[in-house]
Amino acid sequence: MKTLFRIALTASALMLAVGAIAAPQTVTLEVENVSCVSCAPIVKKALSRVPGVSQVTVIEADGMATATVTFDDEKVTPEALTQATTNAGFPSTVKGSS
């Protein structure tokens, strides 16, 4: 009986641990002042350096850019991502998230 209890307890602990793992989140930022060929790479680099960011895509068009960022929401917030672009000289706002 003790063995069965230990197995059940271990299984329960493992299920709780798996549930605690955060799923990656994705946010889309609208980035201002992206007006030259070197601007989009600077935005991408600024976002990539934020701890918890796993992927960044930046698409530039007409002086604006859209940055799609995948991140660990236990390590970073969308507000920290907008601050990173602002600190690099490219103010941004959250356009959408999932």
PDB file of N, CA and C in Angstrom:
ATOM      1  N   MET A   1       0.818  -1.191   0.000  1.00  0.00           N
ATOM      2  CA  MET A   1       0.000   0.000   0.000  1.00  0.00           C
ATOM      3  C   MET A   1       0.865   1.260   0.000  1.00  0.00           C
ATOM      4  N   LYS A   2       1.985   1.226   0.751  1.00  0.00           N
ATOM      5  CA  LYS A   2       2.875   2.384   0.781  1.00  0.00           C
ATOM      6  C   LYS A   2       3.459   2.655  -0.600  1.00  0.00           C
ATOM      7  N   THR A   3       3.776   1.612  -1.333  1.00  0.00           N
ATOM      8  CA  THR A   3       4.342   1.773  -2.668  1.00  0.00           C
ATOM      9  C   THR A   3       3.329   2.430  -3.603  1.00  0.00           C
ATOM     10  N   LEU A   4       2.101   1.990  -3.550  1.00  0.00           N
ATOM     11  CA  LEU A   4       1.051   2.576  -4.376  1.00  0.00           C
ATOM     12  C   LEU A   4       0.849   4.048  -4.028  1.00  0.00           C
ATOM     13  N   PHE A   5       0.884   4.383  -2.751  1.00  0.00           N
ATOM     14  CA  PHE A   5       0.752   5.780  -2.312  1.00  0.00           C
ATOM     15  C   PHE A   5       1.915   6.616  -2.835  1.00  0.00           C
ATOM     16  N   ARG A   6       3.126   6.089  -2.773  1.00  0.00           N
ATOM     17  CA  ARG A   6       4.311   6.825  -3.257  1.00  0.00           C
ATOM     18  C   ARG A   6       4.219   7.071  -4.764  1.00  0.00           C
ATOM     19  N   ILE A   7       3.752   6.061  -5.495  1.00  0.00           N
ATOM     20  CA  ILE A   7       3.607   6.218  -6.944  1.00  0.00           C
ATOM     21  C   ILE A   7       2.571   7.301  -7.254  1.00  0.00           C
ATOM     22  N   ALA A   8       1.453   7.272  -6.560  1.00  0.00           N
ATOM     23  CA  ALA A   8       0.401   8.270  -6.777  1.00  0.00           C
ATOM     24  C   ALA A   8       0.896   9.674  -6.415  1.00  0.00           C
ATOM     25  N   LEU A   9       1.623   9.774  -5.328  1.00  0.00           N
ATOM     26  CA  LEU A   9       2.162  11.066  -4.895  1.00  0.00           C
ATOM     27  C   LEU A   9       3.175  11.602  -5.907  1.00  0.00           C
ATOM     28  N   THR A  10       4.047  10.743  -6.395  1.00  0.00           N
ATOM     29  CA  THR A  10       5.040  11.147  -7.393  1.00  0.00           C
ATOM     30  C   THR A  10       4.360  11.576  -8.688  1.00  0.00           C
ATOM     31  N   ALA A  11       3.365  10.831  -9.124  1.00  0.00           N
ATOM     32  CA  ALA A  11       2.642  11.180 -10.347  1.00  0.00           C
ATOM     33  C   ALA A  11       1.948  12.531 -10.201  1.00  0.00           C
ATOM     34  N   SER A  12       1.355  12.772  -9.050  1.00  0.00           N
ATOM     35  CA  SER A  12       0.691  14.060  -8.805  1.00  0.00           C
ATOM     36  C   SER A  12       1.686  15.211  -8.841  1.00  0.00           C
ATOM     37  N   ALA A  13       2.830  15.010  -8.235  1.00  0.00           N
ATOM     38  CA  ALA A  13       3.864  16.053  -8.219  1.00  0.00           C
ATOM     39  C   ALA A  13       4.349  16.340  -9.632  1.00  0.00           C
ATOM     40  N   LEU A  14       4.531  15.327 -10.437  1.00  0.00           N
ATOM     41  CA  LEU A  14       4.972  15.526 -11.821  1.00  0.00           C
ATOM     42  C   LEU A  14       3.930  16.275 -12.639  1.00  0.00           C
ATOM     43  N   MET A  15       2.666  15.959 -12.457  1.00  0.00           N
ATOM     44  CA  MET A  15       1.613  16.666 -13.197  1.00  0.00           C
ATOM     45  C   MET A  15       1.551  18.135 -12.799  1.00  0.00           C
ATOM     46  N   LEU A  16       1.737  18.426 -11.526  1.00  0.00           N
ATOM     47  CA  LEU A  16       1.754  19.814 -11.081  1.00  0.00           C
ATOM     48  C   LEU A  16       2.944  20.551 -11.661  1.00  0.00           C
ATOM     49  N   ALA A  17       4.102  19.912 -11.707  1.00  0.00           N
ATOM     50  CA  ALA A  17       5.312  20.539 -12.240  1.00  0.00           C
ATOM     51  C   ALA A  17       5.148  20.844 -13.724  1.00  0.00           C
ATOM     52  N   VAL A  18       4.556  19.942 -14.478  1.00  0.00           N
ATOM     53  CA  VAL A  18       4.339  20.173 -15.903  1.00  0.00           C
ATOM     54  C   VAL A  18       3.380  21.332 -16.110  1.00  0.00           C
ATOM     55  N   GLY A  19       2.360  21.448 -15.288  1.00  0.00           N
ATOM     56  CA  GLY A  19       1.403  22.540 -15.403  1.00  0.00           C
ATOM     57  C   GLY A  19       2.004  23.892 -15.062  1.00  0.00           C
ATOM     58  N   ALA A  20       3.079  23.892 -14.279  1.00  0.00           N
ATOM     59  CA  ALA A  20       3.702  25.143 -13.864  1.00  0.00           C
ATOM     60  C   ALA A  20       4.616  25.725 -14.930  1.00  0.00           C
ATOM     61  N   ILE A  21       4.953  24.953 -15.951  1.00  0.00           N
ATOM     62  CA  ILE A  21       5.834  25.438 -17.007  1.00  0.00           C
ATOM     63  C   ILE A  21       5.064  26.450 -17.853  1.00  0.00           C
ATOM     64  N   ALA A  22       5.643  27.613 -18.020  1.00  0.00           N
ATOM     65  CA  ALA A  22       4.974  28.677 -18.776  1.00  0.00           C
ATOM     66  C   ALA A  22       5.080  28.418 -20.269  1.00  0.00           C
ATOM     67  N   ALA A  23       4.008  28.666 -20.963  1.00  0.00           N
ATOM     68  CA  ALA A  23       4.013  28.572 -22.419  1.00  0.00           C
ATOM     69  C   ALA A  23       4.560  29.875 -22.973  1.00  0.00           C
ATOM     70  N   PRO A  24       5.273  29.813 -24.083  1.00  0.00           N
ATOM     71  CA  PRO A  24       5.770  31.056 -24.682  1.00  0.00           C
ATOM     72  C   PRO A  24       4.613  31.953 -25.097  1.00  0.00           C
ATOM     73  N   GLN A  25       4.800  33.238 -24.950  1.00  0.00           N
ATOM     74  CA  GLN A  25       3.808  34.235 -25.345  1.00  0.00           C
ATOM     75  C   GLN A  25       4.343  34.987 -26.560  1.00  0.00           C
ATOM     76  N   THR A  26       3.448  35.527 -27.362  1.00  0.00           N
ATOM     77  CA  THR A  26       3.849  36.333 -28.513  1.00  0.00           C
ATOM     78  C   THR A  26       3.140  37.673 -28.436  1.00  0.00           C
ATOM     79  N   VAL A  27       3.897  38.721 -28.707  1.00  0.00           N
ATOM     80  CA  VAL A  27       3.331  40.062 -28.718  1.00  0.00           C
ATOM     81  C   VAL A  27       3.783  40.759 -30.003  1.00  0.00           C
ATOM     82  N   THR A  28       2.915  41.611 -30.532  1.00  0.00           N
ATOM     83  CA  THR A  28       3.251  42.414 -31.701  1.00  0.00           C
ATOM     84  C   THR A  28       3.373  43.863 -31.258  1.00  0.00           C
ATOM     85  N   LEU A  29       4.503  44.462 -31.598  1.00  0.00           N
ATOM     86  CA  LEU A  29       4.751  45.860 -31.246  1.00  0.00           C
ATOM     87  C   LEU A  29       4.719  46.710 -32.505  1.00  0.00           C
ATOM     88  N   GLU A  30       4.163  47.900 -32.392  1.00  0.00           N
ATOM     89  CA  GLU A  30       4.233  48.887 -33.460  1.00  0.00           C
ATOM     90  C   GLU A  30       5.363  49.838 -33.085  1.00  0.00           C
ATOM     91  N   VAL A  31       6.392  49.879 -33.913  1.00  0.00           N
ATOM     92  CA  VAL A  31       7.618  50.609 -33.593  1.00  0.00           C
ATOM     93  C   VAL A  31       7.728  51.846 -34.489  1.00  0.00           C
ATOM     94  N   GLU A  32       7.999  52.994 -33.870  1.00  0.00           N
ATOM     95  CA  GLU A  32       8.109  54.262 -34.594  1.00  0.00           C
ATOM     96  C   GLU A  32       9.559  54.564 -34.980  1.00  0.00           C
ATOM     97  N   ASN A  33       9.728  55.527 -35.891  1.00  0.00           N
ATOM     98  CA  ASN A  33      11.027  56.072 -36.295  1.00  0.00           C
ATOM     99  C   ASN A  33      11.922  55.076 -37.028  1.00  0.00           C
ATOM    100  N   VAL A  34      11.357  54.043 -37.611  1.00  0.00           N
ATOM    101  CA  VAL A  34      12.147  53.064 -38.357  1.00  0.00           C
ATOM    102  C   VAL A  34      12.178  53.520 -39.805  1.00  0.00           C
ATOM    103  N   SER A  35      13.184  54.353 -40.120  1.00  0.00           N
ATOM    104  CA  SER A  35      13.174  55.024 -41.414  1.00  0.00           C
ATOM    105  C   SER A  35      14.368  54.716 -42.309  1.00  0.00           C
ATOM    106  N   CYS A  36      15.266  53.850 -41.855  1.00  0.00           N
ATOM    107  CA  CYS A  36      16.424  53.543 -42.684  1.00  0.00           C
ATOM    108  C   CYS A  36      16.722  52.042 -42.636  1.00  0.00           C
ATOM    109  N   VAL A  37      17.633  51.624 -43.482  1.00  0.00           N
ATOM    110  CA  VAL A  37      17.966  50.209 -43.598  1.00  0.00           C
ATOM    111  C   VAL A  37      18.540  49.640 -42.308  1.00  0.00           C
ATOM    112  N   SER A  38      19.254  50.443 -41.551  1.00  0.00           N
ATOM    113  CA  SER A  38      19.883  49.932 -40.325  1.00  0.00           C
ATOM    114  C   SER A  38      18.972  49.994 -39.102  1.00  0.00           C
ATOM    115  N   CYS A  39      17.814  50.633 -39.206  1.00  0.00           N
ATOM    116  CA  CYS A  39      16.924  50.785 -38.045  1.00  0.00           C
ATOM    117  C   CYS A  39      16.300  49.462 -37.593  1.00  0.00           C
ATOM    118  N   ALA A  40      15.757  48.693 -38.518  1.00  0.00           N
ATOM    119  CA  ALA A  40      15.100  47.433 -38.152  1.00  0.00           C
ATOM    120  C   ALA A  40      16.062  46.475 -37.455  1.00  0.00           C
ATOM    121  N   PRO A  41      17.302  46.318 -37.939  1.00  0.00           N
ATOM    122  CA  PRO A  41      18.240  45.448 -37.217  1.00  0.00           C
ATOM    123  C   PRO A  41      18.559  45.946 -35.801  1.00  0.00           C
ATOM    124  N   ILE A  42      18.572  47.254 -35.601  1.00  0.00           N
ATOM    125  CA  ILE A  42      18.816  47.801 -34.260  1.00  0.00           C
ATOM    126  C   ILE A  42      17.653  47.439 -33.335  1.00  0.00           C
ATOM    127  N   VAL A  43      16.429  47.563 -33.831  1.00  0.00           N
ATOM    128  CA  VAL A  43      15.249  47.203 -33.043  1.00  0.00           C
ATOM    129  C   VAL A  43      15.303  45.716 -32.690  1.00  0.00           C
ATOM    130  N   LYS A  44      15.616  44.881 -33.678  1.00  0.00           N
ATOM    131  CA  LYS A  44      15.690  43.436 -33.450  1.00  0.00           C
ATOM    132  C   LYS A  44      16.753  43.103 -32.406  1.00  0.00           C
ATOM    133  N   LYS A  45      17.898  43.739 -32.484  1.00  0.00           N
ATOM    134  CA  LYS A  45      18.979  43.487 -31.531  1.00  0.00           C
ATOM    135  C   LYS A  45      18.585  43.927 -30.119  1.00  0.00           C
ATOM    136  N   ALA A  46      17.939  45.085 -30.015  1.00  0.00           N
ATOM    137  CA  ALA A  46      17.511  45.588 -28.698  1.00  0.00           C
ATOM    138  C   ALA A  46      16.522  44.622 -28.048  1.00  0.00           C
ATOM    139  N   LEU A  47      15.589  44.094 -28.825  1.00  0.00           N
ATOM    140  CA  LEU A  47      14.608  43.162 -28.287  1.00  0.00           C
ATOM    141  C   LEU A  47      15.232  41.800 -27.977  1.00  0.00           C
ATOM    142  N   SER A  48      16.132  41.353 -28.833  1.00  0.00           N
ATOM    143  CA  SER A  48      16.774  40.048 -28.637  1.00  0.00           C
ATOM    144  C   SER A  48      17.619  39.991 -27.378  1.00  0.00           C
ATOM    145  N   ARG A  49      18.118  41.126 -26.946  1.00  0.00           N
ATOM    146  CA  ARG A  49      18.968  41.181 -25.746  1.00  0.00           C
ATOM    147  C   ARG A  49      18.179  41.129 -24.437  1.00  0.00           C
ATOM    148  N   VAL A  50      16.869  41.258 -24.500  1.00  0.00           N
ATOM    149  CA  VAL A  50      16.049  41.238 -23.285  1.00  0.00           C
ATOM    150  C   VAL A  50      15.963  39.790 -22.788  1.00  0.00           C
ATOM    151  N   PRO A  51      16.343  39.541 -21.527  1.00  0.00           N
ATOM    152  CA  PRO A  51      16.262  38.179 -20.994  1.00  0.00           C
ATOM    153  C   PRO A  51      14.832  37.638 -21.067  1.00  0.00           C
ATOM    154  N   GLY A  52      14.693  36.433 -21.595  1.00  0.00           N
ATOM    155  CA  GLY A  52      13.387  35.816 -21.723  1.00  0.00           C
ATOM    156  C   GLY A  52      12.844  35.845 -23.143  1.00  0.00           C
ATOM    157  N   VAL A  53      13.461  36.639 -24.023  1.00  0.00           N
ATOM    158  CA  VAL A  53      13.031  36.710 -25.419  1.00  0.00           C
ATOM    159  C   VAL A  53      13.672  35.557 -26.190  1.00  0.00           C
ATOM    160  N   SER A  54      12.850  34.825 -26.934  1.00  0.00           N
ATOM    161  CA  SER A  54      13.379  33.683 -27.679  1.00  0.00           C
ATOM    162  C   SER A  54      13.394  33.904 -29.192  1.00  0.00           C
ATOM    163  N   GLN A  55      12.546  34.806 -29.697  1.00  0.00           N
ATOM    164  CA  GLN A  55      12.501  35.039 -31.142  1.00  0.00           C
ATOM    165  C   GLN A  55      11.972  36.440 -31.430  1.00  0.00           C
ATOM    166  N   VAL A  56      12.578  37.086 -32.436  1.00  0.00           N
ATOM    167  CA  VAL A  56      12.143  38.435 -32.836  1.00  0.00           C
ATOM    168  C   VAL A  56      12.128  38.516 -34.360  1.00  0.00           C
ATOM    169  N   THR A  57      11.046  39.063 -34.895  1.00  0.00           N
ATOM    170  CA  THR A  57      10.948  39.350 -36.320  1.00  0.00           C
ATOM    171  C   THR A  57      10.525  40.812 -36.447  1.00  0.00           C
ATOM    172  N   VAL A  58      11.253  41.564 -37.290  1.00  0.00           N
ATOM    173  CA  VAL A  58      10.932  42.976 -37.488  1.00  0.00           C
ATOM    174  C   VAL A  58      10.705  43.216 -38.973  1.00  0.00           C
ATOM    175  N   ILE A  59       9.555  43.799 -39.307  1.00  0.00           N
ATOM    176  CA  ILE A  59       9.230  44.135 -40.692  1.00  0.00           C
ATOM    177  C   ILE A  59       9.012  45.634 -40.770  1.00  0.00           C
ATOM    178  N   GLU A  60       9.783  46.304 -41.627  1.00  0.00           N
ATOM    179  CA  GLU A  60       9.723  47.761 -41.768  1.00  0.00           C
ATOM    180  C   GLU A  60       8.894  48.137 -42.983  1.00  0.00           C
ATOM    181  N   ALA A  61       8.114  49.228 -42.839  1.00  0.00           N
ATOM    182  CA  ALA A  61       7.346  49.778 -43.952  1.00  0.00           C
ATOM    183  C   ALA A  61       6.962  51.214 -43.642  1.00  0.00           C
ATOM    184  N   ASP A  62       7.363  52.141 -44.503  1.00  0.00           N
ATOM    185  CA  ASP A  62       6.950  53.541 -44.421  1.00  0.00           C
ATOM    186  C   ASP A  62       7.253  54.221 -43.095  1.00  0.00           C
ATOM    187  N   GLY A  63       8.453  54.052 -42.585  1.00  0.00           N
ATOM    188  CA  GLY A  63       8.854  54.739 -41.366  1.00  0.00           C
ATOM    189  C   GLY A  63       8.370  54.103 -40.076  1.00  0.00           C
ATOM    190  N   MET A  64       7.627  53.039 -40.192  1.00  0.00           N
ATOM    191  CA  MET A  64       7.139  52.295 -39.024  1.00  0.00           C
ATOM    192  C   MET A  64       7.625  50.857 -39.173  1.00  0.00           C
ATOM    193  N   ALA A  65       7.537  50.110 -38.104  1.00  0.00           N
ATOM    194  CA  ALA A  65       7.884  48.695 -38.168  1.00  0.00           C
ATOM    195  C   ALA A  65       6.934  47.916 -37.276  1.00  0.00           C
ATOM    196  N   THR A  66       6.786  46.670 -37.616  1.00  0.00           N
ATOM    197  CA  THR A  66       6.040  45.748 -36.782  1.00  0.00           C
ATOM    198  C   THR A  66       7.034  44.718 -36.277  1.00  0.00           C
ATOM    199  N   ALA A  67       7.128  44.600 -34.968  1.00  0.00           N
ATOM    200  CA  ALA A  67       8.021  43.625 -34.353  1.00  0.00           C
ATOM    201  C   ALA A  67       7.170  42.548 -33.697  1.00  0.00           C
ATOM    202  N   THR A  68       7.406  41.312 -34.067  1.00  0.00           N
ATOM    203  CA  THR A  68       6.724  40.187 -33.451  1.00  0.00           C
ATOM    204  C   THR A  68       7.735  39.496 -32.548  1.00  0.00           C
ATOM    205  N   VAL A  69       7.401  39.413 -31.260  1.00  0.00           N
ATOM    206  CA  VAL A  69       8.351  38.925 -30.252  1.00  0.00           C
ATOM    207  C   VAL A  69       7.746  37.740 -29.499  1.00  0.00           C
ATOM    208  N   THR A  70       8.501  36.650 -29.441  1.00  0.00           N
ATOM    209  CA  THR A  70       8.111  35.494 -28.642  1.00  0.00           C
ATOM    210  C   THR A  70       8.967  35.522 -27.386  1.00  0.00           C
ATOM    211  N   PHE A  71       8.318  35.366 -26.227  1.00  0.00           N
ATOM    212  CA  PHE A  71       9.032  35.534 -24.963  1.00  0.00           C
ATOM    213  C   PHE A  71       8.426  34.676 -23.864  1.00  0.00           C
ATOM    214  N   ASP A  72       9.181  34.529 -22.788  1.00  0.00           N
ATOM    215  CA  ASP A  72       8.738  33.812 -21.593  1.00  0.00           C
ATOM    216  C   ASP A  72       8.116  34.841 -20.661  1.00  0.00           C
ATOM    217  N   ASP A  73       6.804  34.721 -20.435  1.00  0.00           N
ATOM    218  CA  ASP A  73       6.111  35.740 -19.634  1.00  0.00           C
ATOM    219  C   ASP A  73       6.456  35.685 -18.151  1.00  0.00           C
ATOM    220  N   GLU A  74       7.228  34.687 -17.733  1.00  0.00           N
ATOM    221  CA  GLU A  74       7.707  34.661 -16.350  1.00  0.00           C
ATOM    222  C   GLU A  74       8.993  35.454 -16.192  1.00  0.00           C
ATOM    223  N   LYS A  75       9.629  35.813 -17.314  1.00  0.00           N
ATOM    224  CA  LYS A  75      10.900  36.540 -17.273  1.00  0.00           C
ATOM    225  C   LYS A  75      10.802  37.979 -17.772  1.00  0.00           C
ATOM    226  N   VAL A  76       9.816  38.255 -18.608  1.00  0.00           N
ATOM    227  CA  VAL A  76       9.718  39.588 -19.202  1.00  0.00           C
ATOM    228  C   VAL A  76       8.252  39.917 -19.485  1.00  0.00           C
ATOM    229  N   THR A  77       7.951  41.217 -19.483  1.00  0.00           N
ATOM    230  CA  THR A  77       6.594  41.690 -19.777  1.00  0.00           C
ATOM    231  C   THR A  77       6.590  42.460 -21.100  1.00  0.00           C
ATOM    232  N   PRO A  78       5.427  42.591 -21.722  1.00  0.00           N
ATOM    233  CA  PRO A  78       5.351  43.426 -22.927  1.00  0.00           C
ATOM    234  C   PRO A  78       5.818  44.866 -22.663  1.00  0.00           C
ATOM    235  N   GLU A  79       5.565  45.368 -21.459  1.00  0.00           N
ATOM    236  CA  GLU A  79       6.006  46.728 -21.121  1.00  0.00           C
ATOM    237  C   GLU A  79       7.539  46.828 -21.137  1.00  0.00           C
ATOM    238  N   ALA A  80       8.216  45.787 -20.689  1.00  0.00           N
ATOM    239  CA  ALA A  80       9.682  45.782 -20.720  1.00  0.00           C
ATOM    240  C   ALA A  80      10.184  45.748 -22.158  1.00  0.00           C
ATOM    241  N   LEU A  81       9.446  45.095 -23.035  1.00  0.00           N
ATOM    242  CA  LEU A  81       9.838  45.050 -24.445  1.00  0.00           C
ATOM    243  C   LEU A  81       9.692  46.425 -25.089  1.00  0.00           C
ATOM    244  N   THR A  82       8.595  47.127 -24.789  1.00  0.00           N
ATOM    245  CA  THR A  82       8.436  48.477 -25.344  1.00  0.00           C
ATOM    246  C   THR A  82       9.486  49.418 -24.778  1.00  0.00           C
ATOM    247  N   GLN A  83       9.868  49.200 -23.528  1.00  0.00           N
ATOM    248  CA  GLN A  83      10.927  50.025 -22.932  1.00  0.00           C
ATOM    249  C   GLN A  83      12.268  49.775 -23.625  1.00  0.00           C
ATOM    250  N   ALA A  84      12.528  48.529 -24.008  1.00  0.00           N
ATOM    251  CA  ALA A  84      13.787  48.195 -24.687  1.00  0.00           C
ATOM    252  C   ALA A  84      13.891  48.910 -26.031  1.00  0.00           C
ATOM    253  N   THR A  85      12.789  48.951 -26.790  1.00  0.00           N
ATOM    254  CA  THR A  85      12.851  49.655 -28.072  1.00  0.00           C
ATOM    255  C   THR A  85      12.964  51.157 -27.863  1.00  0.00           C
ATOM    256  N   THR A  86      12.258  51.673 -26.871  1.00  0.00           N
ATOM    257  CA  THR A  86      12.327  53.104 -26.566  1.00  0.00           C
ATOM    258  C   THR A  86      13.741  53.500 -26.162  1.00  0.00           C
ATOM    259  N   ASN A  87      14.375  52.684 -25.336  1.00  0.00           N
ATOM    260  CA  ASN A  87      15.755  52.958 -24.920  1.00  0.00           C
ATOM    261  C   ASN A  87      16.713  52.951 -26.107  1.00  0.00           C
ATOM    262  N   ALA A  88      16.383  52.200 -27.153  1.00  0.00           N
ATOM    263  CA  ALA A  88      17.218  52.149 -28.353  1.00  0.00           C
ATOM    264  C   ALA A  88      16.893  53.289 -29.324  1.00  0.00           C
ATOM    265  N   GLY A  89      15.920  54.138 -28.959  1.00  0.00           N
ATOM    266  CA  GLY A  89      15.573  55.278 -29.801  1.00  0.00           C
ATOM    267  C   GLY A  89      14.376  55.047 -30.703  1.00  0.00           C
ATOM    268  N   PHE A  90      13.655  53.950 -30.469  1.00  0.00           N
ATOM    269  CA  PHE A  90      12.519  53.608 -31.306  1.00  0.00           C
ATOM    270  C   PHE A  90      11.304  53.310 -30.424  1.00  0.00           C
ATOM    271  N   PRO A  91      10.541  54.347 -30.067  1.00  0.00           N
ATOM    272  CA  PRO A  91       9.367  54.136 -29.212  1.00  0.00           C
ATOM    273  C   PRO A  91       8.404  53.133 -29.839  1.00  0.00           C
ATOM    274  N   SER A  92       7.778  52.309 -28.989  1.00  0.00           N
ATOM    275  CA  SER A  92       6.839  51.326 -29.508  1.00  0.00           C
ATOM    276  C   SER A  92       5.643  51.193 -28.576  1.00  0.00           C
ATOM    277  N   THR A  93       4.591  50.627 -29.128  1.00  0.00           N
ATOM    278  CA  THR A  93       3.397  50.326 -28.351  1.00  0.00           C
ATOM    279  C   THR A  93       2.959  48.895 -28.683  1.00  0.00           C
ATOM    280  N   VAL A  94       2.249  48.290 -27.759  1.00  0.00           N
ATOM    281  CA  VAL A  94       1.742  46.944 -27.966  1.00  0.00           C
ATOM    282  C   VAL A  94       0.564  47.018 -28.921  1.00  0.00           C
ATOM    283  N   LYS A  95       0.650  46.275 -29.989  1.00  0.00           N
ATOM    284  CA  LYS A  95      -0.402  46.240 -30.995  1.00  0.00           C
ATOM    285  C   LYS A  95      -1.322  45.044 -30.781  1.00  0.00           C
ATOM    286  N   GLY A  96      -0.770  43.947 -30.289  1.00  0.00           N
ATOM    287  CA  GLY A  96      -1.571  42.746 -30.035  1.00  0.00           C
ATOM    288  C   GLY A  96      -0.726  41.698 -29.347  1.00  0.00           C
ATOM    289  N   SER A  97      -1.397  40.726 -28.728  1.00  0.00           N
ATOM    290  CA  SER A  97      -0.671  39.642 -28.059  1.00  0.00           C
ATOM    291  C   SER A  97      -1.479  38.368 -28.100  1.00  0.00           C
ATOM    292  N   SER A  98      -0.771  37.273 -27.881  1.00  0.00           N
ATOM    293  CA  SER A  98      -1.447  35.976 -27.805  1.00  0.00           C
ATOM    294  C   SER A  98      -0.718  35.054 -26.872  1.00  0.00           C
TER     295      SER A  98
END
